[in-house]
Structures are given as C-alpha cells and as structure tokens.
Amino acid sequence: MSSEEEPEEQTPPTCDLLSLLLRNRRPTGAVNEVWPNLYIGDAATAQDKTLLASLEITHVVNAADGRQHIDTGPRFYRDTSVRYHGVQAADCKDFDLSPFFTETADFIHDALSQEGKVLVHCARGISRSATLVLAFLMIKERLSLVEAVEVVSSRRNILPNVGFLNQLCLLDSSLTRQRRTKR
C-alpha cells in the first residue's frame, strides 16, 4: 500500500459491534427518528394510525409481517394513504434477513426521495427493523456499518441479534469491496 492510499476500512468483529451498540444506552421510547424522515418503532406505534398521522408517516416497513407476527399489512392501512412494505422475518440468529436488504433499502430510498416519512418497525423496534435500517444506510447512504450503528444508536437503543450482525458484517465487507473496485 502506498502512502497516498487511504487505509482500508475493516469491518469490525461482531464482539466490537456489540460493545458499540451497548455503549451510551438510555431510554428511547416507542418510536424515534434515526435519520431525517426515517423512524424506527415498535408494533404499537405501527398500529396507532393517529400517531402515524401526527408523525406524517407516509410509508411503513413491517419487518415482522405475517399472521404469526404483526399482521398489519396493506389492508390494515387501506383507510389511510400509507404505502406498505412487509418482510416476513423471524427474530432469530438463524434467519437470513439479507435477501431483503436491497428491496427494503430501495423502498425506503424511494419514499424518502419523494419527501415521504418512513416508519420501519418490528415487535420492539430493536433487532429486525434496526437491521433493515442499518442496511439501508449502508446501501443507499454509503455509510460503513460502524458509521450506521453510531448514527442510529445515538438516537435509539438498538440491538440486532448476532445472526443479523453477522449478515450486516458480510454486507459491509461486500460494499467496501465493490466501492474499492469502482475507484
């Protein structure tokens, strides 16, 4: 490596990410704006149409979609103007959430580029929803995983499960490689 090249940014090990996520925790409430016009919340927030209207939410991503989880769906919001995107994900370390990263990032990006406000939620707004928001920030806003974690966790306590953290590490490495080859 020549002295003019910038040092390679390494994806941190999962244990370092966990330390970062657990640092400076404080009460954060049911819903928080973690990026301009992008919110993470819990199931109760997603089911409170009055609250969604007061927050001017135009798009909802349900990371716990389906009858066995939080069965809101497009029919739940049919009497509103909310656009809906559902991801049927289980909050367990063996569930592969990564196939949903790009389609969800595209949905969020499209909403924000139309001046929308997006709520991403799961049951508690800590693991599945946070993982999808971190992936969005990495894919569309070009943040590293560490930068994305720092931004989101400064506004909301999040704690993706270890399987999701590993998937985000793989995404971070992949995006870093892609950006390096495009230089």
N, C-alpha and C. Protein backbone atom coordinates (compact mmCIF):
# COMPACT_ATOMS: atom_id res chain seq x y z
N MET A 1 0.85 -1.18 0.00
CA MET A 1 0.00 0.00 0.00
C MET A 1 0.89 1.24 0.00
N SER A 2 0.66 2.12 -0.94
CA SER A 2 1.45 3.35 -0.99
C SER A 2 0.96 4.31 0.07
N SER A 3 1.80 5.27 0.40
CA SER A 3 1.43 6.20 1.48
C SER A 3 0.29 7.11 1.09
N GLU A 4 0.01 7.27 -0.25
CA GLU A 4 -1.08 8.14 -0.68
C GLU A 4 -2.45 7.46 -0.55
N GLU A 5 -2.47 6.12 -0.55
CA GLU A 5 -3.75 5.42 -0.46
C GLU A 5 -4.31 5.57 0.94
N GLU A 6 -5.66 5.64 0.99
CA GLU A 6 -6.26 5.67 2.31
C GLU A 6 -6.29 4.25 2.86
N PRO A 7 -6.18 4.13 4.18
CA PRO A 7 -6.16 2.79 4.75
C PRO A 7 -7.50 2.09 4.51
N GLU A 8 -7.44 0.79 4.33
CA GLU A 8 -8.65 0.01 4.14
C GLU A 8 -9.46 0.05 5.43
N GLU A 9 -10.76 0.28 5.27
CA GLU A 9 -11.61 0.23 6.44
C GLU A 9 -12.02 -1.21 6.63
N GLN A 10 -11.78 -1.72 7.79
CA GLN A 10 -12.09 -3.11 8.09
C GLN A 10 -13.45 -3.20 8.78
N THR A 11 -14.22 -4.20 8.39
CA THR A 11 -15.45 -4.49 9.12
C THR A 11 -15.05 -5.03 10.48
N PRO A 12 -15.58 -4.43 11.56
CA PRO A 12 -15.18 -4.89 12.89
C PRO A 12 -15.77 -6.26 13.21
N PRO A 13 -15.14 -6.98 14.13
CA PRO A 13 -15.74 -8.24 14.56
C PRO A 13 -17.04 -7.99 15.31
N THR A 14 -17.90 -8.99 15.35
CA THR A 14 -19.21 -8.87 15.98
C THR A 14 -19.10 -8.41 17.43
N CYS A 15 -18.10 -8.89 18.17
CA CYS A 15 -17.97 -8.50 19.59
C CYS A 15 -17.74 -7.00 19.72
N ASP A 16 -16.98 -6.41 18.77
CA ASP A 16 -16.76 -4.96 18.82
C ASP A 16 -18.05 -4.21 18.49
N LEU A 17 -18.84 -4.74 17.55
CA LEU A 17 -20.12 -4.11 17.23
C LEU A 17 -21.06 -4.15 18.43
N LEU A 18 -21.08 -5.28 19.13
CA LEU A 18 -21.92 -5.38 20.32
C LEU A 18 -21.50 -4.35 21.37
N SER A 19 -20.22 -4.17 21.56
CA SER A 19 -19.74 -3.15 22.51
C SER A 19 -20.21 -1.76 22.10
N LEU A 20 -20.12 -1.47 20.81
CA LEU A 20 -20.57 -0.18 20.28
C LEU A 20 -22.07 0.00 20.51
N LEU A 21 -22.85 -1.05 20.28
CA LEU A 21 -24.29 -0.98 20.45
C LEU A 21 -24.70 -0.82 21.91
N LEU A 22 -23.92 -1.36 22.81
CA LEU A 22 -24.28 -1.33 24.23
C LEU A 22 -23.75 -0.10 24.97
N ARG A 23 -22.92 0.70 24.29
CA ARG A 23 -22.35 1.91 24.89
C ARG A 23 -23.38 3.04 24.88
N ASN A 24 -23.37 3.85 25.92
CA ASN A 24 -24.21 5.06 25.99
C ASN A 24 -25.71 4.81 25.80
N ARG A 25 -26.22 3.73 26.36
CA ARG A 25 -27.65 3.44 26.22
C ARG A 25 -28.45 4.31 27.19
N ARG A 26 -29.64 4.69 26.77
CA ARG A 26 -30.54 5.50 27.59
C ARG A 26 -31.96 5.22 27.12
N PRO A 27 -32.97 5.59 27.89
CA PRO A 27 -34.35 5.34 27.44
C PRO A 27 -34.63 6.04 26.12
N THR A 28 -35.32 5.33 25.21
CA THR A 28 -35.55 5.93 23.89
C THR A 28 -37.01 5.99 23.46
N GLY A 29 -37.92 5.34 24.12
CA GLY A 29 -39.33 5.43 23.76
C GLY A 29 -39.74 4.47 22.66
N ALA A 30 -41.01 4.57 22.26
CA ALA A 30 -41.60 3.62 21.31
C ALA A 30 -41.18 3.88 19.87
N VAL A 31 -40.91 5.14 19.52
CA VAL A 31 -40.55 5.49 18.15
C VAL A 31 -39.53 6.62 18.18
N ASN A 32 -38.54 6.55 17.29
CA ASN A 32 -37.50 7.58 17.22
C ASN A 32 -37.11 7.84 15.78
N GLU A 33 -36.89 9.11 15.47
CA GLU A 33 -36.34 9.48 14.17
C GLU A 33 -34.83 9.23 14.23
N VAL A 34 -34.34 8.32 13.40
CA VAL A 34 -32.93 7.92 13.46
C VAL A 34 -32.12 8.47 12.29
N TRP A 35 -32.80 9.01 11.30
CA TRP A 35 -32.21 9.62 10.12
C TRP A 35 -33.29 10.56 9.62
N PRO A 36 -32.97 11.63 8.91
CA PRO A 36 -34.04 12.54 8.50
C PRO A 36 -35.21 11.81 7.82
N ASN A 37 -36.39 11.95 8.43
CA ASN A 37 -37.65 11.36 7.95
C ASN A 37 -37.68 9.83 7.97
N LEU A 38 -36.78 9.22 8.72
CA LEU A 38 -36.74 7.77 8.85
C LEU A 38 -36.82 7.41 10.34
N TYR A 39 -37.85 6.65 10.68
CA TYR A 39 -38.14 6.32 12.06
C TYR A 39 -38.05 4.81 12.28
N ILE A 40 -37.64 4.43 13.50
CA ILE A 40 -37.73 3.05 13.94
C ILE A 40 -38.70 3.03 15.10
N GLY A 41 -39.62 2.04 15.08
CA GLY A 41 -40.59 1.95 16.16
C GLY A 41 -41.00 0.52 16.43
N ASP A 42 -41.92 0.40 17.38
CA ASP A 42 -42.41 -0.91 17.78
C ASP A 42 -43.77 -1.19 17.14
N ALA A 43 -44.33 -2.36 17.45
CA ALA A 43 -45.60 -2.77 16.87
C ALA A 43 -46.74 -1.82 17.25
N ALA A 44 -46.75 -1.38 18.51
CA ALA A 44 -47.83 -0.49 18.96
C ALA A 44 -47.83 0.81 18.15
N THR A 45 -46.65 1.32 17.84
CA THR A 45 -46.55 2.53 17.01
C THR A 45 -47.17 2.28 15.64
N ALA A 46 -46.83 1.16 15.03
CA ALA A 46 -47.32 0.84 13.69
C ALA A 46 -48.83 0.65 13.66
N GLN A 47 -49.41 0.27 14.79
CA GLN A 47 -50.85 0.01 14.85
C GLN A 47 -51.64 1.23 15.30
N ASP A 48 -50.95 2.33 15.61
CA ASP A 48 -51.60 3.56 16.08
C ASP A 48 -51.69 4.54 14.92
N LYS A 49 -52.79 4.46 14.17
CA LYS A 49 -52.94 5.30 12.97
C LYS A 49 -52.96 6.79 13.31
N THR A 50 -53.46 7.15 14.48
CA THR A 50 -53.47 8.56 14.90
C THR A 50 -52.04 9.06 15.09
N LEU A 51 -51.22 8.25 15.74
CA LEU A 51 -49.81 8.61 15.93
C LEU A 51 -49.09 8.70 14.58
N LEU A 52 -49.34 7.73 13.71
CA LEU A 52 -48.70 7.76 12.38
C LEU A 52 -49.08 9.04 11.64
N ALA A 53 -50.34 9.43 11.73
CA ALA A 53 -50.79 10.66 11.07
C ALA A 53 -50.10 11.88 11.69
N SER A 54 -49.97 11.90 13.01
CA SER A 54 -49.33 13.06 13.67
C SER A 54 -47.85 13.14 13.31
N LEU A 55 -47.22 11.98 13.08
CA LEU A 55 -45.81 11.97 12.65
C LEU A 55 -45.67 12.19 11.14
N GLU A 56 -46.81 12.23 10.44
CA GLU A 56 -46.86 12.39 8.98
C GLU A 56 -46.16 11.24 8.27
N ILE A 57 -46.32 10.02 8.81
CA ILE A 57 -45.73 8.82 8.19
C ILE A 57 -46.48 8.52 6.89
N THR A 58 -45.71 8.35 5.82
CA THR A 58 -46.31 8.05 4.51
C THR A 58 -46.05 6.61 4.08
N HIS A 59 -45.03 5.98 4.67
CA HIS A 59 -44.62 4.63 4.29
C HIS A 59 -44.30 3.83 5.55
N VAL A 60 -44.69 2.56 5.55
CA VAL A 60 -44.41 1.67 6.68
C VAL A 60 -43.72 0.42 6.15
N VAL A 61 -42.60 0.07 6.81
CA VAL A 61 -41.94 -1.21 6.57
C VAL A 61 -42.16 -2.05 7.82
N ASN A 62 -42.83 -3.18 7.66
CA ASN A 62 -43.06 -4.10 8.76
C ASN A 62 -42.07 -5.25 8.62
N ALA A 63 -41.09 -5.28 9.51
CA ALA A 63 -40.06 -6.33 9.46
C ALA A 63 -40.50 -7.59 10.19
N ALA A 64 -41.74 -7.60 10.66
CA ALA A 64 -42.30 -8.77 11.34
C ALA A 64 -43.67 -9.07 10.75
N ASP A 65 -43.75 -9.04 9.43
CA ASP A 65 -45.00 -9.20 8.71
C ASP A 65 -45.52 -10.64 8.83
N GLY A 66 -46.82 -10.79 8.71
CA GLY A 66 -47.43 -12.11 8.65
C GLY A 66 -48.31 -12.43 9.83
N ARG A 67 -49.16 -13.43 9.66
CA ARG A 67 -50.14 -13.80 10.69
C ARG A 67 -49.51 -14.22 12.00
N GLN A 68 -48.34 -14.85 11.95
CA GLN A 68 -47.69 -15.31 13.18
C GLN A 68 -46.94 -14.19 13.89
N HIS A 69 -46.84 -13.05 13.25
CA HIS A 69 -46.05 -11.94 13.81
C HIS A 69 -46.96 -10.74 14.02
N ILE A 70 -46.74 -9.66 13.28
CA ILE A 70 -47.54 -8.45 13.40
C ILE A 70 -48.31 -8.29 12.10
N ASP A 71 -49.54 -8.71 12.14
CA ASP A 71 -50.36 -8.83 10.93
C ASP A 71 -51.07 -7.51 10.63
N THR A 72 -50.29 -6.52 10.23
CA THR A 72 -50.92 -5.27 9.79
C THR A 72 -51.16 -5.42 8.29
N GLY A 73 -50.17 -5.18 7.48
CA GLY A 73 -50.30 -5.37 6.04
C GLY A 73 -51.04 -4.24 5.37
N PRO A 74 -51.09 -4.28 4.03
CA PRO A 74 -51.73 -3.19 3.27
C PRO A 74 -53.21 -3.01 3.63
N ARG A 75 -53.91 -4.09 3.98
CA ARG A 75 -55.34 -3.98 4.33
C ARG A 75 -55.52 -3.17 5.62
N PHE A 76 -54.60 -3.30 6.56
CA PHE A 76 -54.69 -2.56 7.82
C PHE A 76 -54.66 -1.05 7.55
N TYR A 77 -53.89 -0.64 6.56
CA TYR A 77 -53.71 0.79 6.26
C TYR A 77 -54.60 1.28 5.12
N ARG A 78 -55.55 0.47 4.67
CA ARG A 78 -56.34 0.83 3.48
C ARG A 78 -57.14 2.12 3.65
N ASP A 79 -57.48 2.50 4.88
CA ASP A 79 -58.22 3.74 5.11
C ASP A 79 -57.28 4.94 5.32
N THR A 80 -55.99 4.74 5.02
CA THR A 80 -55.01 5.81 5.11
C THR A 80 -54.30 5.91 3.76
N SER A 81 -53.38 6.85 3.65
CA SER A 81 -52.59 6.96 2.41
C SER A 81 -51.22 6.29 2.56
N VAL A 82 -51.03 5.53 3.64
CA VAL A 82 -49.76 4.89 3.91
C VAL A 82 -49.46 3.80 2.87
N ARG A 83 -48.24 3.83 2.34
CA ARG A 83 -47.74 2.76 1.46
C ARG A 83 -47.05 1.75 2.35
N TYR A 84 -47.18 0.46 2.03
CA TYR A 84 -46.74 -0.61 2.92
C TYR A 84 -45.76 -1.55 2.24
N HIS A 85 -44.76 -1.96 3.00
CA HIS A 85 -43.81 -2.98 2.55
C HIS A 85 -43.62 -3.97 3.70
N GLY A 86 -43.91 -5.23 3.46
CA GLY A 86 -43.80 -6.23 4.50
C GLY A 86 -42.64 -7.19 4.28
N VAL A 87 -41.97 -7.53 5.35
CA VAL A 87 -40.89 -8.52 5.33
C VAL A 87 -41.23 -9.56 6.40
N GLN A 88 -41.44 -10.79 5.99
CA GLN A 88 -41.76 -11.85 6.95
C GLN A 88 -40.47 -12.40 7.53
N ALA A 89 -40.05 -11.82 8.64
CA ALA A 89 -38.77 -12.20 9.25
C ALA A 89 -38.98 -12.65 10.69
N ALA A 90 -38.26 -13.69 11.05
CA ALA A 90 -38.24 -14.13 12.44
C ALA A 90 -37.02 -13.51 13.11
N ASP A 91 -37.17 -13.12 14.37
CA ASP A 91 -36.04 -12.54 15.10
C ASP A 91 -35.26 -13.66 15.77
N CYS A 92 -34.57 -14.44 14.94
CA CYS A 92 -33.70 -15.48 15.49
C CYS A 92 -32.40 -15.46 14.69
N LYS A 93 -31.32 -15.86 15.34
CA LYS A 93 -29.99 -15.72 14.74
C LYS A 93 -29.81 -16.54 13.48
N ASP A 94 -30.65 -17.56 13.27
CA ASP A 94 -30.52 -18.40 12.08
C ASP A 94 -31.33 -17.90 10.89
N PHE A 95 -32.17 -16.87 11.09
CA PHE A 95 -32.97 -16.35 9.98
C PHE A 95 -32.11 -15.46 9.09
N ASP A 96 -32.17 -15.70 7.79
CA ASP A 96 -31.38 -14.90 6.84
C ASP A 96 -32.20 -13.70 6.36
N LEU A 97 -31.91 -12.56 6.93
CA LEU A 97 -32.60 -11.32 6.58
C LEU A 97 -31.97 -10.66 5.36
N SER A 98 -30.75 -11.07 5.00
CA SER A 98 -30.01 -10.38 3.93
C SER A 98 -30.71 -10.37 2.57
N PRO A 99 -31.52 -11.38 2.18
CA PRO A 99 -32.20 -11.27 0.89
C PRO A 99 -33.17 -10.09 0.81
N PHE A 100 -33.53 -9.53 1.96
CA PHE A 100 -34.48 -8.41 1.99
C PHE A 100 -33.79 -7.05 2.07
N PHE A 101 -32.46 -7.03 2.21
CA PHE A 101 -31.74 -5.76 2.39
C PHE A 101 -31.97 -4.80 1.23
N THR A 102 -31.74 -5.26 0.00
CA THR A 102 -31.78 -4.36 -1.15
C THR A 102 -33.20 -3.90 -1.45
N GLU A 103 -34.17 -4.81 -1.47
CA GLU A 103 -35.55 -4.41 -1.80
C GLU A 103 -36.09 -3.44 -0.75
N THR A 104 -35.75 -3.65 0.51
CA THR A 104 -36.22 -2.75 1.56
C THR A 104 -35.49 -1.41 1.48
N ALA A 105 -34.20 -1.43 1.20
CA ALA A 105 -33.44 -0.18 1.03
C ALA A 105 -34.02 0.62 -0.15
N ASP A 106 -34.38 -0.06 -1.22
CA ASP A 106 -34.99 0.61 -2.38
C ASP A 106 -36.32 1.25 -1.99
N PHE A 107 -37.16 0.53 -1.24
CA PHE A 107 -38.46 1.05 -0.81
C PHE A 107 -38.27 2.31 0.05
N ILE A 108 -37.36 2.24 1.02
CA ILE A 108 -37.10 3.39 1.90
C ILE A 108 -36.55 4.56 1.09
N HIS A 109 -35.57 4.27 0.22
CA HIS A 109 -34.95 5.32 -0.59
C HIS A 109 -35.99 6.01 -1.48
N ASP A 110 -36.84 5.22 -2.13
CA ASP A 110 -37.89 5.80 -3.00
C ASP A 110 -38.83 6.69 -2.19
N ALA A 111 -39.21 6.23 -1.00
CA ALA A 111 -40.11 7.02 -0.14
C ALA A 111 -39.46 8.34 0.26
N LEU A 112 -38.21 8.27 0.72
CA LEU A 112 -37.53 9.49 1.16
C LEU A 112 -37.28 10.44 0.00
N SER A 113 -37.02 9.91 -1.18
CA SER A 113 -36.76 10.79 -2.33
C SER A 113 -38.04 11.46 -2.83
N GLN A 114 -39.20 10.96 -2.39
CA GLN A 114 -40.50 11.59 -2.70
C GLN A 114 -40.98 12.45 -1.54
N GLU A 115 -40.05 12.85 -0.65
CA GLU A 115 -40.38 13.67 0.53
C GLU A 115 -41.27 12.92 1.51
N GLY A 116 -41.23 11.59 1.49
CA GLY A 116 -42.03 10.80 2.42
C GLY A 116 -41.36 10.68 3.77
N LYS A 117 -42.12 10.12 4.70
CA LYS A 117 -41.60 9.79 6.04
C LYS A 117 -41.87 8.30 6.25
N VAL A 118 -40.83 7.59 6.68
CA VAL A 118 -40.90 6.14 6.75
C VAL A 118 -40.77 5.65 8.18
N LEU A 119 -41.69 4.76 8.57
CA LEU A 119 -41.57 4.03 9.83
C LEU A 119 -41.15 2.61 9.49
N VAL A 120 -40.04 2.17 10.08
CA VAL A 120 -39.62 0.78 9.98
C VAL A 120 -39.83 0.18 11.36
N HIS A 121 -40.60 -0.91 11.43
CA HIS A 121 -40.91 -1.47 12.75
C HIS A 121 -40.84 -2.98 12.72
N CYS A 122 -40.74 -3.53 13.92
CA CYS A 122 -40.91 -4.96 14.16
C CYS A 122 -41.68 -5.03 15.47
N ALA A 123 -41.47 -6.04 16.27
CA ALA A 123 -42.22 -6.13 17.52
C ALA A 123 -41.81 -5.04 18.51
N ARG A 124 -40.49 -4.93 18.74
CA ARG A 124 -39.99 -3.97 19.74
C ARG A 124 -39.15 -2.85 19.14
N GLY A 125 -38.86 -2.93 17.84
CA GLY A 125 -38.06 -1.88 17.21
C GLY A 125 -36.61 -1.91 17.61
N ILE A 126 -36.08 -3.11 17.79
CA ILE A 126 -34.70 -3.24 18.30
C ILE A 126 -33.81 -4.06 17.36
N SER A 127 -34.34 -5.14 16.81
CA SER A 127 -33.49 -6.08 16.07
C SER A 127 -33.77 -6.10 14.57
N ARG A 128 -34.93 -6.64 14.16
CA ARG A 128 -35.22 -6.76 12.72
C ARG A 128 -35.30 -5.40 12.03
N SER A 129 -36.08 -4.50 12.61
CA SER A 129 -36.24 -3.18 12.00
C SER A 129 -34.92 -2.43 11.97
N ALA A 130 -34.18 -2.51 13.07
CA ALA A 130 -32.88 -1.82 13.14
C ALA A 130 -31.93 -2.38 12.08
N THR A 131 -31.94 -3.68 11.88
CA THR A 131 -31.07 -4.30 10.88
C THR A 131 -31.39 -3.77 9.49
N LEU A 132 -32.67 -3.68 9.16
CA LEU A 132 -33.06 -3.18 7.83
C LEU A 132 -32.69 -1.72 7.66
N VAL A 133 -32.81 -0.92 8.71
CA VAL A 133 -32.42 0.50 8.63
C VAL A 133 -30.90 0.62 8.47
N LEU A 134 -30.15 -0.17 9.22
CA LEU A 134 -28.68 -0.14 9.07
C LEU A 134 -28.29 -0.53 7.64
N ALA A 135 -28.93 -1.56 7.09
CA ALA A 135 -28.63 -1.98 5.72
C ALA A 135 -28.96 -0.86 4.73
N PHE A 136 -30.08 -0.17 4.93
CA PHE A 136 -30.43 0.97 4.08
C PHE A 136 -29.34 2.04 4.11
N LEU A 137 -28.90 2.39 5.31
CA LEU A 137 -27.88 3.44 5.44
C LEU A 137 -26.57 3.02 4.77
N MET A 138 -26.26 1.75 4.82
CA MET A 138 -25.04 1.25 4.19
C MET A 138 -25.18 1.22 2.67
N ILE A 139 -26.32 0.73 2.18
CA ILE A 139 -26.51 0.56 0.73
C ILE A 139 -26.76 1.89 0.03
N LYS A 140 -27.69 2.68 0.56
CA LYS A 140 -28.13 3.90 -0.14
C LYS A 140 -27.40 5.17 0.29
N GLU A 141 -27.00 5.24 1.56
CA GLU A 141 -26.33 6.44 2.06
C GLU A 141 -24.82 6.26 2.13
N ARG A 142 -24.35 5.07 1.76
CA ARG A 142 -22.92 4.76 1.67
C ARG A 142 -22.17 4.90 3.00
N LEU A 143 -22.86 4.64 4.10
CA LEU A 143 -22.20 4.64 5.40
C LEU A 143 -21.57 3.28 5.63
N SER A 144 -20.48 3.26 6.38
CA SER A 144 -19.93 1.97 6.81
C SER A 144 -20.86 1.42 7.89
N LEU A 145 -20.69 0.16 8.22
CA LEU A 145 -21.51 -0.43 9.28
C LEU A 145 -21.30 0.31 10.59
N VAL A 146 -20.07 0.63 10.93
CA VAL A 146 -19.79 1.35 12.18
C VAL A 146 -20.46 2.72 12.15
N GLU A 147 -20.35 3.45 11.04
CA GLU A 147 -21.00 4.77 10.94
C GLU A 147 -22.51 4.65 11.09
N ALA A 148 -23.11 3.66 10.44
CA ALA A 148 -24.56 3.46 10.52
C ALA A 148 -24.98 3.15 11.95
N VAL A 149 -24.24 2.26 12.61
CA VAL A 149 -24.54 1.92 14.01
C VAL A 149 -24.44 3.15 14.89
N GLU A 150 -23.39 3.95 14.69
CA GLU A 150 -23.22 5.15 15.52
C GLU A 150 -24.37 6.13 15.32
N VAL A 151 -24.79 6.34 14.07
CA VAL A 151 -25.89 7.27 13.78
C VAL A 151 -27.18 6.79 14.43
N VAL A 152 -27.55 5.54 14.19
CA VAL A 152 -28.83 5.04 14.68
C VAL A 152 -28.82 4.90 16.20
N SER A 153 -27.76 4.36 16.75
CA SER A 153 -27.75 4.13 18.20
C SER A 153 -27.60 5.43 19.00
N SER A 154 -27.23 6.52 18.35
CA SER A 154 -27.21 7.81 19.05
C SER A 154 -28.63 8.35 19.25
N ARG A 155 -29.59 7.76 18.53
CA ARG A 155 -30.97 8.24 18.59
C ARG A 155 -31.95 7.20 19.15
N ARG A 156 -31.53 5.93 19.16
CA ARG A 156 -32.41 4.86 19.63
C ARG A 156 -31.55 3.68 20.09
N ASN A 157 -31.97 3.05 21.18
CA ASN A 157 -31.30 1.82 21.61
C ASN A 157 -31.71 0.70 20.65
N ILE A 158 -30.73 0.13 19.98
CA ILE A 158 -30.99 -0.98 19.07
C ILE A 158 -30.05 -2.12 19.45
N LEU A 159 -30.45 -3.33 19.10
CA LEU A 159 -29.60 -4.48 19.39
C LEU A 159 -29.97 -5.63 18.44
N PRO A 160 -29.52 -5.55 17.17
CA PRO A 160 -29.77 -6.66 16.25
C PRO A 160 -29.18 -7.95 16.82
N ASN A 161 -29.87 -9.06 16.59
CA ASN A 161 -29.34 -10.33 17.09
C ASN A 161 -28.02 -10.65 16.38
N VAL A 162 -27.26 -11.59 16.95
CA VAL A 162 -25.91 -11.87 16.45
C VAL A 162 -25.91 -12.37 15.00
N GLY A 163 -26.94 -13.10 14.60
CA GLY A 163 -27.04 -13.54 13.22
C GLY A 163 -27.19 -12.36 12.27
N PHE A 164 -28.04 -11.40 12.64
CA PHE A 164 -28.23 -10.20 11.82
C PHE A 164 -26.96 -9.37 11.79
N LEU A 165 -26.26 -9.27 12.92
CA LEU A 165 -25.00 -8.53 12.94
C LEU A 165 -23.99 -9.16 11.98
N ASN A 166 -23.93 -10.49 11.98
CA ASN A 166 -23.02 -11.17 11.05
C ASN A 166 -23.40 -10.89 9.59
N GLN A 167 -24.71 -10.86 9.31
CA GLN A 167 -25.16 -10.55 7.94
C GLN A 167 -24.79 -9.11 7.56
N LEU A 168 -24.90 -8.19 8.51
CA LEU A 168 -24.50 -6.80 8.25
C LEU A 168 -22.99 -6.70 8.03
N CYS A 169 -22.22 -7.49 8.75
CA CYS A 169 -20.76 -7.52 8.54
C CYS A 169 -20.43 -7.98 7.13
N LEU A 170 -21.13 -9.02 6.67
CA LEU A 170 -20.91 -9.50 5.30
C LEU A 170 -21.29 -8.43 4.28
N LEU A 171 -22.41 -7.74 4.52
CA LEU A 171 -22.82 -6.65 3.64
C LEU A 171 -21.77 -5.55 3.62
N ASP A 172 -21.26 -5.18 4.79
CA ASP A 172 -20.24 -4.13 4.90
C ASP A 172 -19.00 -4.51 4.09
N SER A 173 -18.54 -5.73 4.25
CA SER A 173 -17.36 -6.20 3.50
C SER A 173 -17.61 -6.18 2.01
N SER A 174 -18.80 -6.63 1.60
CA SER A 174 -19.15 -6.68 0.19
C SER A 174 -19.22 -5.27 -0.42
N LEU A 175 -19.87 -4.34 0.28
CA LEU A 175 -19.97 -2.96 -0.21
C LEU A 175 -18.60 -2.30 -0.27
N THR A 176 -17.76 -2.56 0.72
CA THR A 176 -16.41 -1.99 0.74
C THR A 176 -15.62 -2.49 -0.47
N ARG A 177 -15.72 -3.79 -0.75
CA ARG A 177 -15.04 -4.37 -1.93
C ARG A 177 -15.56 -3.75 -3.22
N GLN A 178 -16.88 -3.64 -3.34
CA GLN A 178 -17.49 -3.06 -4.56
C GLN A 178 -17.00 -1.63 -4.78
N ARG A 179 -16.99 -0.84 -3.72
CA ARG A 179 -16.58 0.57 -3.84
C ARG A 179 -15.10 0.68 -4.18
N ARG A 180 -14.30 -0.24 -3.66
CA ARG A 180 -12.88 -0.23 -3.94
C ARG A 180 -12.61 -0.56 -5.42
N THR A 181 -13.37 -1.51 -5.97
CA THR A 181 -13.13 -1.89 -7.38
C THR A 181 -13.66 -0.83 -8.34
N LYS A 182 -14.59 0.02 -7.89
CA LYS A 182 -15.13 1.07 -8.75
C LYS A 182 -14.24 2.30 -8.79
N ARG A 183 -13.23 2.38 -7.92
CA ARG A 183 -12.33 3.55 -7.89
C ARG A 183 -11.44 3.58 -9.09
